[in-house]
Amino acid sequence: MKKLFLIGFMLCAMMASAQTVDSAPKVQVKNPFMWTDTPDPDIIRVGDYYYLVTTTMHLFPGGPIMRSTDLVHWETVSYLFDEIKDTPRYDLQEGTVYGRGQWATSLRYHKGTFWALFVANDDPHKSMVFKTDDPAKGWKLHSRLPAYHDSSLFFDDDDRVYVFSGSGDIKLVELNADLTAEKEGGIRKTLELRGKPQGLHEGSRVIKHDGMYYLLCISWPSTGRQEIAYRSKNIEGPYDSKVILKSDFGGFPLAGQGTIVDGKHGEWYGVMFQDRGGVGRVLTIEPCSWIDGWPMLGTRGDIKIPETVTLDGDCECHKTPLYAVIEKDYQWNHNYIKEDIVTETGNLAKPGKTISLKTSVLAKNIFDARNTLTWRTWGPFCSDTICIDARKMKDGDCAGFAAFNGDSGVLTVKREGNGFALVLSEESVQLSNNTKAITGVEAKEVERVKLSKSKVGKIYLRIDGDFNPGRDIATFYYSLDGKNYMQMGGEYKMRFDFMRFFMGTRYAAFFYPTKQTGGQIVINL
């Protein structure tokens, strides 16, 4: 049975008003409808399924593809790739790729084939194109193209293929029909965007509706973050503009960047992310109304994020619990060493309840440790627990559970000679600008508890996360019996930092050696 976790932010209940027998069931979802780190979204609908992809950068397998029939219940059906081997930095050698790797994937479907395009934002700075006939069956690397920042792949009605991209001006490039190179003699130009504001201009997403081309972008910071739609009858432009979303929400100001998607019954929705502090960049959903030919977001097109949104789709929410469920999404920090990992299922992305780790590479701290397993935290409140069997750890080994980011709260079981200690620390990493190499780690020990050898067979570690507005607090606990938990330290403030990891705080189960390799632990998730 798949391991699921509850997300209290997604309210799913039948509306009180009566429904006719032949009408589609109506449900309401509460914003942010995905209160977890899911930046740079692209979402499409193909038949009965919605498909969603977001940015995961230095986590592997990368490019998770989520699928839903109702925009409420989501499962991860595949990843675009297992690893990237472009530079040793993906293996935490000669630097790192924190905050780099896979960025802003564009997801498309054309004549029976699903396509995904993203830039690998590190040397050699190339875009990757993947394809499949069914996302649930996995993806194949199809081609490597020049770097296209925040790109949108687009198939026109005449089967010509284009990429829109840019972080200042927006450029249009035509590709070969087989998506293996830029088309010789094809369109290549900087678009004329009428009414374009000052500041950065990025996050391209392109659709065609009623014969018009719509380019969606964000502009910021001088304007405050806002979503702009540009439209033209000619793909080459010129394009006219209109602000379609400018909204703070829930006490946070930075909302915008995403796309619009058609529902199953003629309705449309906007899906935009919002920066929301320590948890990361979360997803909001808005009704999309076509007003005078513009896709205006918000209730009656008021360009504001609403508290709740009524979904007019085929939803079976009335047959499920009050809160929606999303499959827990595991990913490893940088490329993993397969030979050092044994999972209950044999699947490193869906490991099951038990995972066994051994060590083959020395590390100095959690930031350069191999085979660290991570998963998302979520709001408004989350809690997760792991259990570690530490009996086969060697001197100098460190294993534990962390609220993991550039600034991390770390709960570590340490083997020190013949003894063990449980240590809570606050650790902050410094990275170089060019290779993201680790240039320093500041570590502050907050509390230490001695552990006897007889107690290290089962050590339960728990982290609670409070992401209510103004909080972003993690608290740490341990137990020796799985029932009685004792808090260590006080409240730890979680932070979002775009200069280092560029993602929300994640749960992380880790194991690394500082003196000798060959130790082993078993983790129950």
Protein backbone atom coordinates (compact mmCIF):
# COMPACT_ATOMS: atom_id res chain seq x y z
CA MET A 1 0.00 0.00 0.00
CA LYS A 2 1.42 3.37 -0.97
CA LYS A 3 2.49 5.59 1.87
CA LEU A 4 0.33 8.72 1.88
CA PHE A 5 0.39 11.85 3.97
CA LEU A 6 -2.40 14.25 4.79
CA ILE A 7 -2.33 17.86 3.70
CA GLY A 8 -4.67 19.94 5.80
CA PHE A 9 -4.55 22.95 3.51
CA MET A 10 -6.60 21.31 0.74
CA LEU A 11 -10.24 21.35 1.82
CA CYS A 12 -12.32 18.91 -0.18
CA ALA A 13 -16.05 18.74 0.52
CA MET A 14 -19.25 18.74 -1.45
CA MET A 15 -20.94 22.09 -1.74
CA ALA A 16 -24.11 22.42 0.28
CA SER A 17 -26.23 23.40 -2.68
CA ALA A 18 -28.23 20.68 -4.41
CA GLN A 19 -26.83 19.09 -7.55
CA THR A 20 -28.80 17.82 -10.50
CA VAL A 21 -28.16 14.23 -11.50
CA ASP A 22 -26.44 15.12 -14.76
CA SER A 23 -24.36 18.04 -13.46
CA ALA A 24 -20.67 17.67 -12.68
CA PRO A 25 -20.01 17.46 -8.93
CA LYS A 26 -18.68 20.71 -7.51
CA VAL A 27 -16.06 20.91 -4.78
CA GLN A 28 -14.11 23.69 -3.16
CA VAL A 29 -10.38 23.82 -2.58
CA LYS A 30 -8.68 26.25 -0.26
CA ASN A 31 -5.64 28.31 -1.22
CA PRO A 32 -2.76 27.73 -1.26
CA PHE A 33 -4.02 24.53 -2.81
CA MET A 34 -0.55 22.97 -2.67
CA TRP A 35 1.02 24.37 0.49
CA THR A 36 4.39 22.83 -0.23
CA ASP A 37 7.46 23.71 -2.31
CA THR A 38 6.29 23.42 -5.95
CA PRO A 39 7.83 26.31 -7.94
CA ASP A 40 7.76 27.09 -11.66
CA PRO A 41 4.69 24.99 -12.42
CA ASP A 42 3.50 23.86 -15.80
CA ILE A 43 0.21 22.01 -16.03
CA ILE A 44 -1.64 20.48 -18.97
CA ARG A 45 -4.74 18.36 -19.35
CA VAL A 46 -4.79 15.36 -21.67
CA GLY A 47 -8.15 13.58 -21.67
CA ASP A 48 -9.17 12.72 -18.12
CA TYR A 49 -5.79 13.54 -16.57
CA TYR A 50 -4.09 16.74 -15.48
CA TYR A 51 -0.28 16.57 -15.49
CA LEU A 52 1.87 18.87 -13.38
CA VAL A 53 5.65 19.41 -13.29
CA THR A 54 7.65 21.69 -10.97
CA THR A 55 11.29 22.55 -10.32
CA THR A 56 13.43 20.36 -8.04
CA MET A 57 16.95 21.49 -9.06
CA HIS A 58 19.61 19.53 -7.11
CA LEU A 59 17.30 16.65 -6.13
CA PHE A 60 17.28 13.25 -7.84
CA PRO A 61 15.46 11.60 -9.47
CA GLY A 62 14.48 14.94 -10.97
CA GLY A 63 11.52 16.54 -12.67
CA PRO A 64 8.66 14.79 -10.84
CA ILE A 65 5.54 14.38 -12.98
CA MET A 66 2.35 14.50 -10.93
CA ARG A 67 -1.02 13.33 -12.21
CA SER A 68 -4.60 14.00 -11.13
CA THR A 69 -8.11 13.47 -12.42
CA ASP A 70 -9.68 16.27 -10.38
CA LEU A 71 -6.96 18.85 -9.51
CA VAL A 72 -7.28 17.73 -5.88
CA HIS A 73 -5.75 14.26 -5.57
CA TRP A 74 -2.21 14.01 -6.97
CA GLU A 75 0.25 11.17 -7.36
CA THR A 76 3.80 11.21 -8.69
CA VAL A 77 3.75 8.84 -11.65
CA SER A 78 7.32 9.32 -12.94
CA TYR A 79 10.44 11.46 -13.04
CA LEU A 80 12.02 12.89 -16.16
CA PHE A 81 15.47 11.54 -15.25
CA ASP A 82 17.30 9.54 -12.59
CA GLU A 83 20.56 11.48 -12.62
CA ILE A 84 22.59 14.11 -14.48
CA LYS A 85 26.26 13.50 -15.14
CA ASP A 86 27.26 16.71 -16.97
CA THR A 87 29.81 17.67 -14.30
CA PRO A 88 31.28 16.05 -11.14
CA ARG A 89 29.38 18.70 -9.16
CA TYR A 90 26.21 16.63 -9.52
CA ASP A 91 28.08 14.03 -7.44
CA LEU A 92 29.12 16.65 -4.84
CA GLN A 93 32.66 16.68 -6.24
CA GLU A 94 34.58 19.82 -7.27
CA GLY A 95 31.62 21.86 -6.09
CA THR A 96 27.86 21.35 -5.86
CA VAL A 97 24.73 22.15 -7.87
CA TYR A 98 22.69 23.56 -4.99
CA GLY A 99 20.00 25.77 -6.51
CA ARG A 100 20.92 24.72 -10.05
CA GLY A 101 20.17 21.53 -12.00
CA GLN A 102 16.66 21.22 -13.48
CA TRP A 103 14.80 24.52 -13.83
CA ALA A 104 11.31 25.49 -14.99
CA THR A 105 10.26 22.53 -17.11
CA SER A 106 7.80 23.10 -19.96
CA LEU A 107 5.34 20.25 -20.40
CA ARG A 108 3.46 19.68 -23.67
CA TYR A 109 1.38 17.07 -25.51
CA HIS A 110 1.27 16.85 -29.30
CA LYS A 111 -0.24 14.13 -31.48
CA GLY A 112 0.19 11.24 -29.07
CA THR A 113 3.53 12.27 -27.57
CA PHE A 114 4.30 14.04 -24.30
CA TRP A 115 7.27 16.41 -24.38
CA ALA A 116 9.26 18.09 -21.60
CA LEU A 117 11.89 20.80 -22.02
CA PHE A 118 14.05 22.33 -19.30
CA VAL A 119 17.41 24.00 -18.89
CA ALA A 120 20.06 22.28 -16.76
CA ASN A 121 21.24 25.46 -15.06
CA ASP A 122 24.91 24.53 -14.69
CA ASP A 123 27.79 23.72 -17.04
CA PRO A 124 27.54 23.07 -19.96
CA HIS A 125 24.30 25.12 -19.77
CA LYS A 126 22.20 23.06 -22.15
CA SER A 127 18.50 22.42 -22.37
CA MET A 128 17.22 18.85 -22.32
CA VAL A 129 14.23 17.49 -24.24
CA PHE A 130 12.47 14.35 -22.97
CA LYS A 131 9.56 12.48 -24.49
CA THR A 132 7.18 9.59 -23.81
CA ASP A 133 3.85 8.23 -25.02
CA ASP A 134 2.72 7.76 -21.40
CA PRO A 135 4.19 9.64 -18.40
CA ALA A 136 3.41 6.70 -16.14
CA LYS A 137 5.85 4.55 -18.15
CA GLY A 138 8.83 6.90 -17.77
CA TRP A 139 10.71 9.25 -20.09
CA LYS A 140 13.55 9.09 -22.61
CA LEU A 141 16.14 11.80 -23.24
CA HIS A 142 15.50 12.90 -26.82
CA SER A 143 17.91 15.78 -27.50
CA ARG A 144 20.14 18.51 -26.08
CA LEU A 145 19.52 22.10 -27.16
CA PRO A 146 20.97 25.52 -26.31
CA ALA A 147 20.12 26.97 -22.91
CA TYR A 148 16.62 28.50 -22.86
CA HIS A 149 15.89 30.30 -19.59
CA ASP A 150 12.36 29.77 -18.18
CA SER A 151 11.25 28.39 -21.51
CA SER A 152 7.91 27.40 -23.00
CA LEU A 153 7.74 24.75 -25.70
CA PHE A 154 4.94 25.36 -28.19
CA PHE A 155 3.46 23.28 -31.03
CA ASP A 156 1.41 25.30 -33.50
CA ASP A 157 -1.58 24.04 -35.46
CA ASP A 158 0.61 23.54 -38.54
CA ASP A 159 3.00 21.33 -36.49
CA ARG A 160 5.79 23.92 -36.47
CA VAL A 161 7.64 23.91 -33.12
CA TYR A 162 8.88 26.92 -31.15
CA VAL A 163 10.53 27.88 -27.88
CA PHE A 164 9.75 31.12 -26.04
CA SER A 165 12.33 32.05 -23.38
CA GLY A 166 14.19 34.82 -21.60
CA SER A 167 14.71 36.72 -18.35
CA GLY A 168 14.64 40.25 -19.76
CA ASP A 169 13.55 40.34 -23.35
CA ILE A 170 11.52 37.35 -24.52
CA LYS A 171 12.96 35.52 -27.50
CA LEU A 172 11.22 33.24 -30.01
CA VAL A 173 13.19 30.42 -31.65
CA GLU A 174 11.88 27.85 -34.12
CA LEU A 175 13.01 24.23 -33.80
CA ASN A 176 13.27 21.42 -36.31
CA ALA A 177 10.17 19.29 -36.58
CA ASP A 178 11.98 16.48 -34.72
CA LEU A 179 13.07 18.79 -31.83
CA THR A 180 16.75 17.98 -32.24
CA ALA A 181 18.08 21.45 -33.16
CA GLU A 182 17.13 25.00 -33.99
CA LYS A 183 15.66 25.16 -37.48
CA GLU A 184 18.07 26.50 -40.08
CA GLY A 185 16.45 29.56 -41.60
CA GLY A 186 13.60 29.37 -39.09
CA ILE A 187 12.17 32.17 -36.99
CA ARG A 188 14.58 33.63 -34.46
CA LYS A 189 13.73 37.01 -33.00
CA THR A 190 13.19 39.13 -29.91
CA LEU A 191 9.49 39.76 -29.51
CA GLU A 192 7.95 43.20 -29.45
CA LEU A 193 5.92 43.33 -26.24
CA ARG A 194 3.76 46.42 -26.08
CA GLY A 195 3.32 47.77 -22.57
CA LYS A 196 6.22 45.73 -21.21
CA PRO A 197 7.09 47.07 -17.72
CA GLN A 198 10.54 47.64 -16.29
CA GLY A 199 12.34 44.89 -14.39
CA LEU A 200 12.87 41.19 -14.88
CA HIS A 201 10.56 39.44 -17.28
CA GLU A 202 10.51 35.65 -17.10
CA GLY A 203 8.51 32.49 -16.53
CA SER A 204 7.21 32.10 -20.10
CA ARG A 205 4.17 29.91 -20.71
CA VAL A 206 2.40 29.94 -24.09
CA ILE A 207 -1.01 28.70 -25.21
CA LYS A 208 -3.20 29.28 -28.26
CA HIS A 209 -6.89 30.00 -27.77
CA ASP A 210 -9.50 31.00 -30.36
CA GLY A 211 -6.80 31.73 -32.92
CA MET A 212 -4.80 34.02 -30.61
CA TYR A 213 -1.35 33.39 -29.17
CA TYR A 214 -1.05 34.08 -25.44
CA LEU A 215 2.33 34.51 -23.78
CA LEU A 216 2.17 34.54 -19.97
CA CYS A 217 5.10 36.05 -18.01
CA ILE A 218 5.84 37.60 -14.65
CA SER A 219 7.40 41.01 -14.24
CA TRP A 220 9.22 42.03 -11.08
CA PRO A 221 10.66 43.34 -8.76
CA SER A 222 10.12 47.03 -9.61
CA THR A 223 6.43 46.45 -10.34
CA GLY A 224 5.88 44.02 -7.52
CA ARG A 225 5.37 40.52 -8.82
CA GLN A 226 2.54 40.41 -11.32
CA GLU A 227 1.40 38.06 -14.04
CA ILE A 228 1.05 39.56 -17.51
CA ALA A 229 -0.66 38.10 -20.55
CA TYR A 230 0.56 39.14 -23.98
CA ARG A 231 -1.56 38.31 -27.01
CA SER A 232 -1.20 38.47 -30.77
CA LYS A 233 -2.82 37.01 -33.86
CA ASN A 234 0.68 36.40 -35.24
CA ILE A 235 3.17 34.23 -33.37
CA GLU A 236 5.91 36.73 -34.29
CA GLY A 237 3.94 39.59 -32.76
CA PRO A 238 3.72 42.37 -31.98
CA TYR A 239 2.03 41.46 -28.70
CA ASP A 240 -0.34 43.62 -26.63
CA SER A 241 -0.38 43.27 -22.85
CA LYS A 242 -2.65 43.13 -19.85
CA VAL A 243 -2.01 42.40 -16.16
CA ILE A 244 -4.05 39.30 -15.30
CA LEU A 245 -2.92 38.71 -11.68
CA LYS A 246 -1.52 41.16 -9.12
CA SER A 247 -2.19 39.91 -5.65
CA ASP A 248 -0.81 39.37 -2.22
CA PHE A 249 -2.36 36.51 -0.28
CA GLY A 250 -2.32 35.25 3.27
CA GLY A 251 0.14 37.88 4.41
CA PHE A 252 2.68 37.18 1.64
CA PRO A 253 3.17 39.55 -1.32
CA LEU A 254 5.03 37.64 -4.03
CA ALA A 255 2.55 35.76 -6.22
CA GLY A 256 2.80 34.98 -9.93
CA GLN A 257 4.48 32.69 -12.48
CA GLY A 258 2.62 29.72 -13.79
CA THR A 259 0.07 29.00 -16.47
CA ILE A 260 -3.59 28.47 -17.28
CA VAL A 261 -5.27 25.17 -18.05
CA ASP A 262 -8.64 24.14 -19.44
CA GLY A 263 -10.92 21.98 -17.33
CA LYS A 264 -13.13 19.12 -18.40
CA HIS A 265 -16.33 21.10 -18.80
CA GLY A 266 -15.21 24.26 -20.55
CA GLU A 267 -13.94 26.02 -17.45
CA TRP A 268 -10.40 27.40 -17.07
CA TYR A 269 -8.02 27.77 -14.12
CA GLY A 270 -4.84 29.64 -13.36
CA VAL A 271 -2.09 27.87 -11.40
CA MET A 272 0.47 30.32 -10.00
CA PHE A 273 3.11 29.99 -7.34
CA GLN A 274 3.64 32.24 -4.33
CA ASP A 275 6.79 32.76 -2.25
CA ARG A 276 5.73 31.76 1.25
CA GLY A 277 8.76 31.81 3.52
CA GLY A 278 10.40 28.71 4.98
CA VAL A 279 8.11 26.16 3.32
CA GLY A 280 9.17 27.49 -0.10
CA ARG A 281 7.10 28.48 -3.11
CA VAL A 282 3.57 27.12 -2.96
CA LEU A 283 0.83 26.74 -5.57
CA THR A 284 -2.35 28.77 -5.73
CA ILE A 285 -5.30 28.16 -8.02
CA GLU A 286 -7.59 30.80 -9.47
CA PRO A 287 -10.68 30.79 -11.67
CA CYS A 288 -9.77 32.00 -15.15
CA SER A 289 -12.41 34.03 -16.98
CA TRP A 290 -12.07 34.97 -20.64
CA ILE A 291 -13.04 38.65 -20.59
CA ASP A 292 -12.77 40.60 -23.82
CA GLY A 293 -10.37 37.96 -25.08
CA TRP A 294 -8.07 38.10 -22.02
CA PRO A 295 -7.56 35.24 -19.50
CA MET A 296 -8.32 37.19 -16.33
CA LEU A 297 -7.55 35.42 -13.06
CA GLY A 298 -9.43 35.62 -9.77
CA THR A 299 -13.11 35.71 -8.90
CA ARG A 300 -14.90 37.48 -11.76
CA GLY A 301 -11.45 38.44 -13.06
CA ASP A 302 -10.57 40.70 -10.12
CA ILE A 303 -6.87 39.59 -10.51
CA LYS A 304 -6.74 38.53 -6.85
CA ILE A 305 -6.05 35.10 -5.35
CA PRO A 306 -9.30 33.92 -3.73
CA GLU A 307 -9.54 32.12 -0.41
CA THR A 308 -11.41 29.21 -2.00
CA VAL A 309 -12.07 28.07 -5.54
CA THR A 310 -14.97 26.00 -6.82
CA LEU A 311 -13.83 23.23 -9.15
CA ASP A 312 -16.28 22.21 -11.86
CA GLY A 313 -14.75 18.86 -12.71
CA ASP A 314 -15.46 15.16 -12.30
CA CYS A 315 -14.35 14.86 -8.70
CA GLU A 316 -15.01 11.96 -6.36
CA CYS A 317 -14.08 14.04 -3.33
CA HIS A 318 -17.31 13.23 -1.53
CA LYS A 319 -16.11 9.61 -1.31
CA THR A 320 -12.80 10.54 0.34
CA PRO A 321 -11.82 12.02 3.72
CA LEU A 322 -12.18 15.72 4.33
CA TYR A 323 -8.51 16.37 3.54
CA ALA A 324 -6.92 15.51 0.25
CA VAL A 325 -4.04 13.05 0.05
CA ILE A 326 -0.84 13.36 -1.95
CA GLU A 327 1.69 10.62 -2.37
CA LYS A 328 4.90 11.36 -0.49
CA ASP A 329 7.61 12.32 -2.96
CA TYR A 330 11.13 11.13 -2.05
CA GLN A 331 14.25 12.52 -3.70
CA TRP A 332 17.97 12.31 -2.97
CA ASN A 333 20.25 15.30 -2.47
CA HIS A 334 22.43 15.32 -5.63
CA ASN A 335 23.14 12.08 -7.50
CA TYR A 336 22.88 9.01 -5.30
CA ILE A 337 25.24 6.03 -4.98
CA LYS A 338 23.01 3.10 -5.85
CA GLU A 339 25.35 0.47 -4.45
CA ASP A 340 25.05 1.95 -0.94
CA ILE A 341 21.25 1.86 -0.82
CA VAL A 342 18.85 -1.04 -0.27
CA THR A 343 15.13 -0.29 -0.20
CA GLU A 344 12.13 -2.39 0.73
CA THR A 345 10.67 -1.98 -2.76
CA GLY A 346 13.83 -1.89 -4.87
CA ASN A 347 12.68 1.55 -6.10
CA LEU A 348 14.86 4.42 -4.87
CA ALA A 349 12.12 7.00 -5.51
CA LYS A 350 9.46 4.97 -3.69
CA PRO A 351 11.51 3.11 -1.10
CA GLY A 352 8.71 1.79 1.06
CA LYS A 353 8.89 1.79 4.85
CA THR A 354 12.44 0.53 5.34
CA ILE A 355 15.72 1.65 3.84
CA SER A 356 19.23 0.40 4.55
CA LEU A 357 22.24 2.67 3.99
CA LYS A 358 25.95 1.99 4.05
CA THR A 359 28.80 4.43 3.49
CA SER A 360 31.53 4.51 0.85
CA VAL A 361 32.48 8.22 0.70
CA LEU A 362 33.69 10.39 3.58
CA ALA A 363 31.93 13.68 4.32
CA LYS A 364 32.47 16.63 6.63
CA ASN A 365 28.87 17.62 7.25
CA ILE A 366 25.32 17.12 6.04
CA PHE A 367 25.83 19.53 3.13
CA ASP A 368 28.44 17.36 1.38
CA ALA A 369 27.04 14.00 2.47
CA ARG A 370 26.02 11.50 -0.21
CA ASN A 371 22.74 9.59 -0.17
CA THR A 372 20.69 12.02 1.89
CA LEU A 373 17.00 11.21 1.36
CA THR A 374 14.67 14.23 1.31
CA TRP A 375 10.98 14.97 1.01
CA ARG A 376 8.81 18.06 1.15
CA THR A 377 7.50 19.76 4.26
CA TRP A 378 3.98 21.19 3.99
CA GLY A 379 1.73 23.78 5.57
CA PRO A 380 0.11 24.97 7.61
CA PHE A 381 1.50 22.34 9.98
CA CYS A 382 3.39 19.11 9.38
CA SER A 383 5.02 16.41 11.42
CA ASP A 384 7.14 13.42 10.44
CA THR A 385 9.10 10.75 12.26
CA ILE A 386 11.87 8.33 11.34
CA CYS A 387 13.35 5.48 13.36
CA ILE A 388 17.07 4.66 13.12
CA ASP A 389 18.83 1.43 14.02
CA ALA A 390 22.35 2.72 14.75
CA ARG A 391 24.02 -0.44 16.08
CA LYS A 392 26.29 -0.93 13.05
CA MET A 393 27.55 2.64 12.93
CA LYS A 394 31.32 3.12 13.10
CA ASP A 395 33.39 5.67 14.99
CA GLY A 396 32.84 9.10 13.43
CA ASP A 397 29.56 8.18 11.74
CA CYS A 398 26.64 10.61 11.81
CA ALA A 399 23.01 9.68 11.16
CA GLY A 400 19.84 11.58 11.74
CA PHE A 401 16.95 13.76 10.71
CA ALA A 402 17.03 17.40 9.60
CA ALA A 403 14.95 20.37 8.60
CA PHE A 404 17.22 20.73 5.59
CA ASN A 405 18.09 23.93 3.74
CA GLY A 406 20.99 26.36 3.48
CA ASP A 407 20.23 27.01 7.14
CA SER A 408 19.36 23.67 8.74
CA GLY A 409 18.20 22.35 12.06
CA VAL A 410 19.95 18.98 12.42
CA LEU A 411 19.24 16.17 14.89
CA THR A 412 22.22 13.78 14.74
CA VAL A 413 23.05 10.41 16.27
CA LYS A 414 26.85 10.44 16.56
CA ARG A 415 29.13 7.46 17.13
CA GLU A 416 32.02 8.75 19.26
CA GLY A 417 34.52 5.98 19.97
CA ASN A 418 32.61 3.32 21.88
CA GLY A 419 29.79 5.68 22.82
CA PHE A 420 26.83 7.41 21.21
CA ALA A 421 25.36 10.87 21.56
CA LEU A 422 22.27 12.58 20.20
CA VAL A 423 23.08 16.17 19.22
CA LEU A 424 20.82 18.99 18.08
CA SER A 425 22.67 21.63 16.07
CA GLU A 426 21.97 24.65 13.91
CA GLU A 427 24.10 24.57 10.76
CA SER A 428 24.52 27.12 7.98
CA VAL A 429 26.43 26.57 4.73
CA GLN A 430 28.33 29.10 2.64
CA LEU A 431 28.71 28.47 -1.10
CA SER A 432 30.93 29.99 -3.78
CA ASN A 433 29.25 31.91 -6.60
CA ASN A 434 30.76 30.02 -9.54
CA THR A 435 30.85 26.31 -8.69
CA LYS A 436 28.62 26.45 -5.59
CA ALA A 437 31.49 24.81 -3.73
CA ILE A 438 31.10 24.61 0.04
CA THR A 439 33.40 27.32 1.43
CA GLY A 440 32.36 27.02 5.05
CA VAL A 441 29.82 25.67 7.50
CA GLU A 442 28.86 27.41 10.72
CA ALA A 443 27.62 24.90 13.28
CA LYS A 444 26.18 25.67 16.71
CA GLU A 445 25.50 22.83 19.12
CA VAL A 446 22.22 23.48 20.92
CA GLU A 447 21.78 20.37 23.07
CA ARG A 448 23.43 16.99 23.61
CA VAL A 449 22.11 13.75 25.13
CA LYS A 450 24.26 10.68 25.84
CA LEU A 451 22.90 7.37 24.58
CA SER A 452 23.78 3.94 25.89
CA LYS A 453 24.64 1.14 23.45
CA SER A 454 21.55 -0.76 24.50
CA LYS A 455 19.33 2.12 23.36
CA VAL A 456 20.65 2.66 19.82
CA GLY A 457 18.72 -0.21 18.26
CA LYS A 458 15.68 2.03 17.88
CA ILE A 459 15.96 5.80 18.10
CA TYR A 460 12.89 7.72 17.02
CA LEU A 461 13.41 11.25 15.71
CA ARG A 462 10.55 13.66 15.01
CA ILE A 463 10.37 17.14 13.48
CA ASP A 464 7.25 19.31 13.61
CA GLY A 465 6.93 22.20 11.16
CA ASP A 466 4.67 25.20 11.75
CA PHE A 467 4.27 27.24 8.56
CA ASN A 468 1.41 29.43 9.65
CA PRO A 469 2.01 33.08 8.65
CA GLY A 470 4.68 34.63 10.86
CA ARG A 471 5.92 31.28 12.18
CA ASP A 472 8.18 29.05 9.99
CA ILE A 473 9.19 27.17 13.13
CA ALA A 474 10.66 23.65 13.44
CA THR A 475 10.74 21.78 16.74
CA PHE A 476 12.74 18.61 17.37
CA TYR A 477 11.95 15.53 19.46
CA TYR A 478 13.38 12.09 20.21
CA SER A 479 12.03 8.92 21.75
CA LEU A 480 13.51 5.59 22.77
CA ASP A 481 10.22 3.70 22.68
CA GLY A 482 8.23 5.42 19.93
CA LYS A 483 5.63 6.59 22.44
CA ASN A 484 7.16 9.07 24.84
CA TYR A 485 8.85 11.98 23.08
CA MET A 486 11.19 14.52 24.61
CA GLN A 487 11.84 17.89 22.98
CA MET A 488 15.38 19.00 22.26
CA GLY A 489 16.19 22.70 22.02
CA GLY A 490 13.61 25.37 21.49
CA GLU A 491 12.01 26.77 18.34
CA TYR A 492 14.18 26.77 15.20
CA LYS A 493 13.43 29.45 12.61
CA MET A 494 13.32 28.07 9.05
CA ARG A 495 14.34 30.37 6.20
CA PHE A 496 14.08 30.56 2.43
CA ASP A 497 17.25 31.76 0.70
CA PHE A 498 17.38 32.07 -3.10
CA MET A 499 21.16 32.57 -3.13
CA ARG A 500 21.97 29.04 -1.94
CA PHE A 501 19.42 26.19 -2.12
CA PHE A 502 16.60 28.25 -3.72
CA MET A 503 13.96 25.89 -2.33
CA GLY A 504 11.84 25.38 0.74
CA THR A 505 12.95 23.50 3.82
CA ARG A 506 12.75 19.74 3.34
CA TYR A 507 12.78 16.79 5.67
CA ALA A 508 16.06 14.91 5.28
CA ALA A 509 17.19 11.51 6.59
CA PHE A 510 21.00 11.27 6.39
CA PHE A 511 23.97 9.03 7.12
CA TYR A 512 27.60 9.89 6.51
CA PRO A 513 31.04 8.90 7.82
CA THR A 514 33.68 11.40 8.92
CA LYS A 515 36.54 8.97 9.71
CA GLN A 516 36.03 5.61 7.98
CA THR A 517 33.62 4.06 5.52
CA GLY A 518 31.69 0.81 5.83
CA GLY A 519 29.19 1.67 8.56
CA GLN A 520 25.53 0.80 8.16
CA ILE A 521 22.14 1.90 9.46
CA VAL A 522 18.52 0.94 8.88
CA ILE A 523 15.90 3.69 8.69
CA ASN A 524 12.17 3.14 9.10
CA LEU A 525 10.33 5.94 7.31
